[in-house]
Each structure stands twice: as C-alpha cells, then as structure tokens.
Protein backbone atom coordinates (compact mmCIF):
# COMPACT_ATOMS: atom_id res chain seq x y z
CA MET A 1 203.30 44.19 79.96
CA LYS A 2 206.90 45.34 80.42
CA THR A 3 208.46 45.22 83.83
CA SER A 4 211.60 45.21 84.73
CA PHE A 5 215.21 54.17 97.71
CA PRO A 6 222.83 61.34 109.66
CA ALA A 7 225.91 60.81 111.24
CA LEU A 8 225.96 61.41 114.97
CA ALA A 9 229.56 61.99 115.89
CA ALA A 10 233.01 62.45 114.56
CA GLY A 11 234.68 60.02 112.19
CA PHE A 12 236.87 60.77 109.28
CA ALA A 13 236.21 62.28 105.85
CA LEU A 14 237.99 61.50 102.63
CA CYS A 15 237.88 63.87 99.64
CA LEU A 16 239.30 62.93 96.30
CA SER A 17 239.64 65.28 93.36
CA ALA A 18 241.57 64.36 90.15
CA ASP A 19 242.24 65.35 86.71
CA PRO A 20 239.47 64.57 84.26
CA ALA A 21 241.75 62.20 82.25
CA ARG A 22 242.57 60.16 85.33
CA ALA A 23 240.44 57.59 87.15
CA GLY A 24 239.79 57.92 90.83
CA HIS A 25 239.14 55.07 93.25
CA ALA A 26 238.34 55.50 96.94
CA THR A 27 237.37 53.04 99.69
CA THR A 28 236.59 53.54 103.40
CA THR A 29 235.93 50.80 106.01
CA GLN A 30 234.77 51.51 109.58
CA THR A 31 233.79 49.32 112.48
CA GLY A 32 232.10 50.83 115.57
CA ASN A 33 229.37 53.37 116.36
CA ALA A 34 228.78 56.99 115.41
CA ASN A 35 231.22 57.04 112.53
CA THR A 36 231.09 59.17 109.47
CA SER A 37 232.70 58.52 106.07
CA ASN A 38 232.50 61.04 103.24
CA ILE A 39 233.85 60.57 99.67
CA THR A 40 233.73 63.36 97.01
CA GLN A 41 234.89 62.78 93.43
CA HIS A 42 234.73 65.53 90.80
CA ALA A 43 235.54 65.61 87.04
CA ASP A 44 236.70 62.03 86.73
CA ALA A 45 236.16 59.12 84.29
CA GLN A 46 236.08 55.48 85.36
CA THR A 47 235.79 56.36 89.09
CA SER A 48 234.60 54.14 92.02
CA ALA A 49 233.79 54.95 95.64
CA HIS A 50 232.96 52.32 98.21
CA VAL A 51 232.00 52.83 101.89
CA GLN A 52 231.57 49.99 104.29
CA GLN A 53 230.47 50.38 107.83
CA SER A 54 229.55 48.01 110.68
CA GLY A 55 227.87 49.28 113.83
CA HIS A 56 225.16 51.67 114.90
CA ALA A 57 224.43 55.33 114.17
CA ASN A 58 226.94 55.60 111.36
CA GLY A 59 226.72 57.88 108.35
CA GLY A 60 228.06 57.25 104.91
CA LEU A 61 228.09 59.92 102.11
CA ILE A 62 229.38 59.63 98.47
CA VAL A 63 229.11 62.54 96.04
CA GLN A 64 230.18 62.29 92.38
CA ASP A 65 230.11 65.28 90.13
CA VAL A 66 230.74 65.25 86.32
CA VAL A 67 231.81 61.67 86.32
CA TYR A 68 231.46 58.99 83.60
CA TYR A 69 231.56 55.21 83.69
CA SER A 70 231.49 55.39 87.49
CA ASP A 71 230.00 53.56 90.44
CA ALA A 72 229.24 54.32 94.12
CA ARG A 73 228.46 51.78 96.75
CA ILE A 74 227.59 51.87 100.47
CA ALA A 75 227.12 48.82 102.62
CA GLN A 76 226.03 49.17 106.31
CA ASN A 77 225.31 46.57 108.95
CA GLY A 78 223.62 47.70 112.18
CA ALA A 79 220.85 50.00 113.41
CA GLY A 80 220.19 53.74 112.91
CA ASN A 81 222.55 54.09 110.00
CA GLY A 82 222.21 56.66 107.15
CA ALA A 83 223.49 56.38 103.62
CA ARG A 84 223.39 59.05 100.92
CA LEU A 85 224.67 58.64 97.40
CA GLU A 86 224.56 61.44 94.86
CA GLN A 87 225.68 61.66 91.29
CA ASN A 88 225.23 64.86 89.32
CA ASN A 89 225.95 65.75 85.61
CA VAL A 90 226.96 62.20 84.84
CA GLY A 91 226.83 59.42 82.30
CA HIS A 92 227.01 55.60 82.43
CA ILE A 93 226.79 55.29 86.19
CA TYR A 94 225.75 52.93 89.00
CA LEU A 95 224.59 53.38 92.55
CA SER A 96 224.25 50.68 95.20
CA ALA A 97 223.06 50.81 98.90
CA ILE A 98 222.90 47.71 101.07
CA GLN A 99 221.69 48.00 104.66
CA THR A 100 221.10 45.26 107.13
CA GLY A 101 219.42 46.02 110.49
CA SER A 102 216.71 48.33 111.69
CA ALA A 103 215.75 51.96 111.41
CA ASN A 104 218.27 52.59 108.66
CA ARG A 105 217.77 55.15 105.82
CA ALA A 106 219.09 55.31 102.33
CA ASP A 107 218.89 58.31 100.09
CA MET A 108 219.94 58.14 96.40
CA VAL A 109 219.98 60.98 93.80
CA GLN A 110 220.99 60.91 90.17
CA ARG A 111 220.64 64.12 88.11
CA ASN A 112 221.28 65.33 84.61
CA ASN A 113 222.51 62.11 83.20
CA SER A 114 223.79 61.88 79.61
CA GLY A 115 224.00 58.07 79.35
CA PHE A 116 222.74 54.87 80.90
CA ALA A 117 222.34 54.83 84.69
CA SER A 118 221.11 52.38 87.24
CA ALA A 119 220.49 52.35 91.02
CA ARG A 120 219.74 49.63 93.51
CA ALA A 121 218.87 49.65 97.21
CA THR A 122 218.55 46.51 99.48
CA GLN A 123 217.37 46.77 103.02
CA ILE A 124 216.85 43.81 105.33
CA GLY A 125 215.17 44.49 108.69
CA THR A 126 212.38 46.64 110.18
CA LEU A 127 211.59 50.32 110.10
CA ASN A 128 213.88 51.02 107.23
CA ALA A 129 213.31 53.76 104.60
CA ALA A 130 214.64 54.17 101.00
CA ALA A 131 214.17 57.47 98.96
CA VAL A 132 215.35 57.61 95.39
CA GLN A 133 215.21 60.59 93.07
CA GLN A 134 216.25 60.53 89.37
CA ASP A 135 215.78 63.77 87.58
CA PHE A 136 216.50 64.35 83.77
CA VAL A 137 217.95 60.84 83.54
CA ALA A 138 217.21 58.72 80.48
CA PHE A 139 217.47 54.97 79.96
CA THR A 140 217.54 54.26 83.58
CA GLN A 141 216.94 51.25 85.82
CA LEU A 142 215.93 51.34 89.47
CA GLY A 143 215.54 48.42 91.73
CA ILE A 144 214.61 48.40 95.43
CA ASP A 145 214.29 45.25 97.67
CA GLN A 146 213.07 45.38 101.25
CA SER A 147 212.53 42.44 103.55
CA GLY A 148 210.92 42.93 107.00
CA ASN A 149 208.13 44.93 108.48
CA SER A 150 207.08 48.59 108.50
CA ASN A 151 209.47 49.61 105.78
CA ARG A 152 208.99 52.54 103.42
CA VAL A 153 209.90 53.34 99.84
CA ALA A 154 209.53 56.58 97.87
CA ALA A 155 210.82 56.76 94.31
CA THR A 156 210.74 59.72 91.85
CA GLN A 157 211.69 59.83 88.25
CA ALA A 158 211.02 63.23 86.77
CA GLY A 159 211.74 64.56 83.24
CA THR A 160 212.93 61.04 82.22
CA GLU A 161 212.27 58.68 79.30
CA GLN A 162 212.47 54.95 78.81
CA THR A 163 213.07 54.10 82.44
CA THR A 164 212.37 50.93 84.41
CA LEU A 165 211.46 50.86 88.11
CA GLY A 166 210.98 47.68 90.22
CA ILE A 167 210.13 47.55 93.90
CA GLN A 168 209.84 44.32 95.94
CA GLN A 169 208.68 44.24 99.57
CA THR A 170 208.25 41.22 101.79
CA GLY A 171 206.70 41.58 105.25
CA THR A 172 203.86 43.38 107.05
CA GLY A 173 202.91 47.01 107.18
CA ASN A 174 205.08 48.06 104.22
CA GLY A 175 204.50 50.96 101.97
CA ALA A 176 205.73 51.97 98.43
CA SER A 177 204.95 55.03 96.38
CA THR A 178 206.37 56.04 92.95
CA TYR A 179 206.17 58.98 90.69
CA GLN A 180 207.29 58.95 87.05
CA SER A 181 207.00 62.03 84.85
CA GLY A 182 207.77 61.39 81.17
CA SER A 183 207.00 58.76 78.53
CA GLY A 184 207.77 55.18 77.92
CA HIS A 185 208.14 54.28 81.54
CA ASN A 186 207.69 50.78 83.25
CA GLY A 187 206.84 50.77 86.92
CA ALA A 188 206.26 47.52 88.97
CA ILE A 189 205.60 46.98 92.68
CA SER A 190 205.43 43.51 94.23
CA GLN A 191 204.38 43.01 97.87
CA ASN A 192 204.10 39.82 99.84
CA GLY A 193 202.50 40.15 103.32
CA THR A 194 199.60 41.90 105.02
CA HIS A 195 198.53 45.42 105.59
CA ASN A 196 200.81 46.69 102.79
CA THR A 197 200.09 49.79 100.51
CA ALA A 198 201.30 50.53 97.07
CA ALA A 199 200.70 53.63 95.01
CA GLN A 200 201.99 54.53 91.39
CA TRP A 201 201.48 57.85 89.66
CA GLN A 202 202.54 58.33 86.07
CA THR A 203 202.23 61.25 83.63
CA LEU A 204 202.37 61.64 79.81
CA VAL A 205 202.02 58.64 77.58
CA GLY A 206 203.13 55.17 76.72
CA ASN A 207 203.65 54.15 80.37
CA ASP A 208 203.12 50.75 82.04
CA SER A 209 202.14 50.25 85.68
CA LEU A 210 201.97 46.80 87.48
CA ILE A 211 201.09 46.17 91.16
CA ILE A 212 200.99 42.64 92.54
CA GLN A 213 200.06 42.03 96.09
CA THR A 214 199.76 38.69 98.02
CA GLY A 215 198.27 38.69 101.45
CA ASN A 216 195.30 40.27 103.43
CA ASN A 217 194.21 43.83 103.92
CA ASN A 218 196.37 45.30 101.14
CA THR A 219 195.71 48.54 99.24
CA ALA A 220 196.76 49.50 95.77
CA GLY A 221 196.33 52.73 93.79
CA VAL A 222 197.36 53.75 90.22
CA ARG A 223 196.92 57.15 88.64
CA GLN A 224 197.95 57.74 85.02
CA GLU A 225 197.62 61.18 83.38
CA GLY A 226 197.89 60.97 79.57
CA THR A 227 197.02 63.12 76.62
CA ILE A 228 194.53 62.64 73.78
CA GLY A 229 195.77 62.85 70.18
CA PHE A 230 196.06 60.86 66.98
CA GLY A 231 198.75 58.15 67.30
CA THR A 232 199.33 58.85 70.97
CA PRO A 233 200.64 55.80 72.75
CA PRO A 234 198.25 54.53 75.48
CA ASN A 235 198.96 53.98 79.14
CA THR A 236 198.45 50.56 80.76
CA ALA A 237 197.70 49.69 84.35
CA TRP A 238 197.24 46.21 85.88
CA VAL A 239 196.58 45.36 89.60
CA SER A 240 196.61 41.84 90.81
CA GLN A 241 195.65 41.05 94.49
CA ALA A 242 195.26 37.74 96.28
CA GLY A 243 193.80 37.53 99.83
CA ASN A 244 190.93 39.12 101.90
CA GLY A 245 190.07 42.70 102.65
CA LEU A 246 191.55 44.06 99.41
CA TYR A 247 191.20 47.56 97.99
CA ALA A 248 192.28 48.78 94.54
CA VAL A 249 191.71 52.02 92.68
CA VAL A 250 192.81 52.80 89.06
CA THR A 251 192.39 56.26 87.59
CA GLN A 252 193.39 57.05 84.01
CA TYR A 253 193.12 60.33 81.89
CA GLY A 254 193.56 60.57 78.13
CA GLY A 255 192.56 58.16 75.32
CA ALA A 256 193.00 54.53 74.27
CA ASN A 257 194.24 53.51 77.75
CA ARG A 258 193.92 50.06 79.23
CA ALA A 259 193.28 49.00 82.83
CA GLY A 260 192.73 45.70 84.61
CA VAL A 261 192.12 44.66 88.17
CA ASN A 262 192.14 41.04 89.38
CA GLN A 263 191.22 40.15 92.96
CA GLN A 264 191.05 36.58 94.28
C-alpha cells in the first residue's frame, strides 16, 4: 500500500506584476482585526508571496498566474479568518496555509500545472474548514492536518495522475471527504477520536485508498470505479478501525480489485 484544504472590512491590497524574466517577492504582515491582504503575481519565475495576519475576521488572498518555481504561503492566528491561495497555469509550485484558532477557513486551488506541485494546510482549533481543489495537475502532493473538534476537509483532484493525498485529523466530530479522478492515485485518511467520518471516491484504475480510524462511533466509506480490460491495473482499498460502534462500507467496480476491512 502506497501512502503518502472573507474579509470583513478595509485593509490594504498589494499587487505585483513583473517581467517574465524577473523574480517577484511580496510579503505582507498585519496585526489587528478585520484586515485584508491581497497579493497578485503574473507571468513570473521564482516568485514568492507570503501573508501573515494576527487577529480576528481577517482575510488573506494570494493569486499566482503563469508562474514557475514559485510558492505562496498564508499564516493566520485568531478566529473567523479566511485564507485563499490560487495558482493557475503553473509549474513546480508550492502552497501553504497555517491557521490557529477557531472558525477559520482555508481554500486552496491549483489548476493546469505543467510540473510538480504540492499543497499543505494545517489548522489547529475547532470549527475549521479546509477545501482544496487540484485540476489537471500531475505528480502532485497534498497534505492536510487538523487538530481539534468539528473540523471539516474536502479535497478534489480531477484530471490528474500519479498524485498523493494525505489527511490527518485528531479530535471529535471531524469529517473528511476526498475525490480523485484519474489513475495511479494514493489517498490516505487517518482519524484519531470519536464520531468521525471519512469518505474516499476514486475513478479509473491503479488507485490506492487507505482509511485508518481510532476511537468509537466512527464511519468510513470507500468507492472505487474502475474499468475491465486485459492488463488493467487494479484498485486497492483498505479500512482499519479500532473502537466500538464502527461502520465501514467499501464499493468497487471493475476487475481484479482488492479490498480489506479490519475492525477491532
């Protein structure tokens, strides 16, 4: 098994545009409440954009278009903050969102990538949400870590190949759902706590799904839609649950697939 997410008031915005042959670097730092910080970078190589905010109800936005060998990072400390990071028509890129507090949201988007890409979201607190979308991005890594209660993760990788997705949640009442469309994907969800739910949906062939849950009253579901044909790589799904009041469902379509469930 191979294993390896809205501003309220005025602040300031920073827009950066440079010649394709030149690197662009932008950093904003804000302390207080209801601030906004926007960074836009277009047609650059070796660019970086960093936003750091401390306070409540702040909003951070980074958009990078047609950039290569670039990274974008947002770090927020407080409650009710929103972070959005977007990379379009890019290659060899990295996204990072770190949020500490409650009721925060992180949205991350990577589209039309021509090289390696990775994204990572870390949230510590309660009632946080992470949504990650990677479309037509190959050779990609995605990692999401949440610590606290009542957190949510939704991750989508569509039209991709050879990607790795890992989600780790610690706490009570957390939920994680993933969708991977393509072949050769690895998806893993690990949850430690009670009343957690995990769902993975994969299409096409050669995909691996792993769900590990420790605690009581947890639910896990895996759906894999493959094809039947000579030499077609199989899909593999494994669910491991430890505790009481457990529920697991694995559904597979296609041929030569493998599934396993262990409850104890």
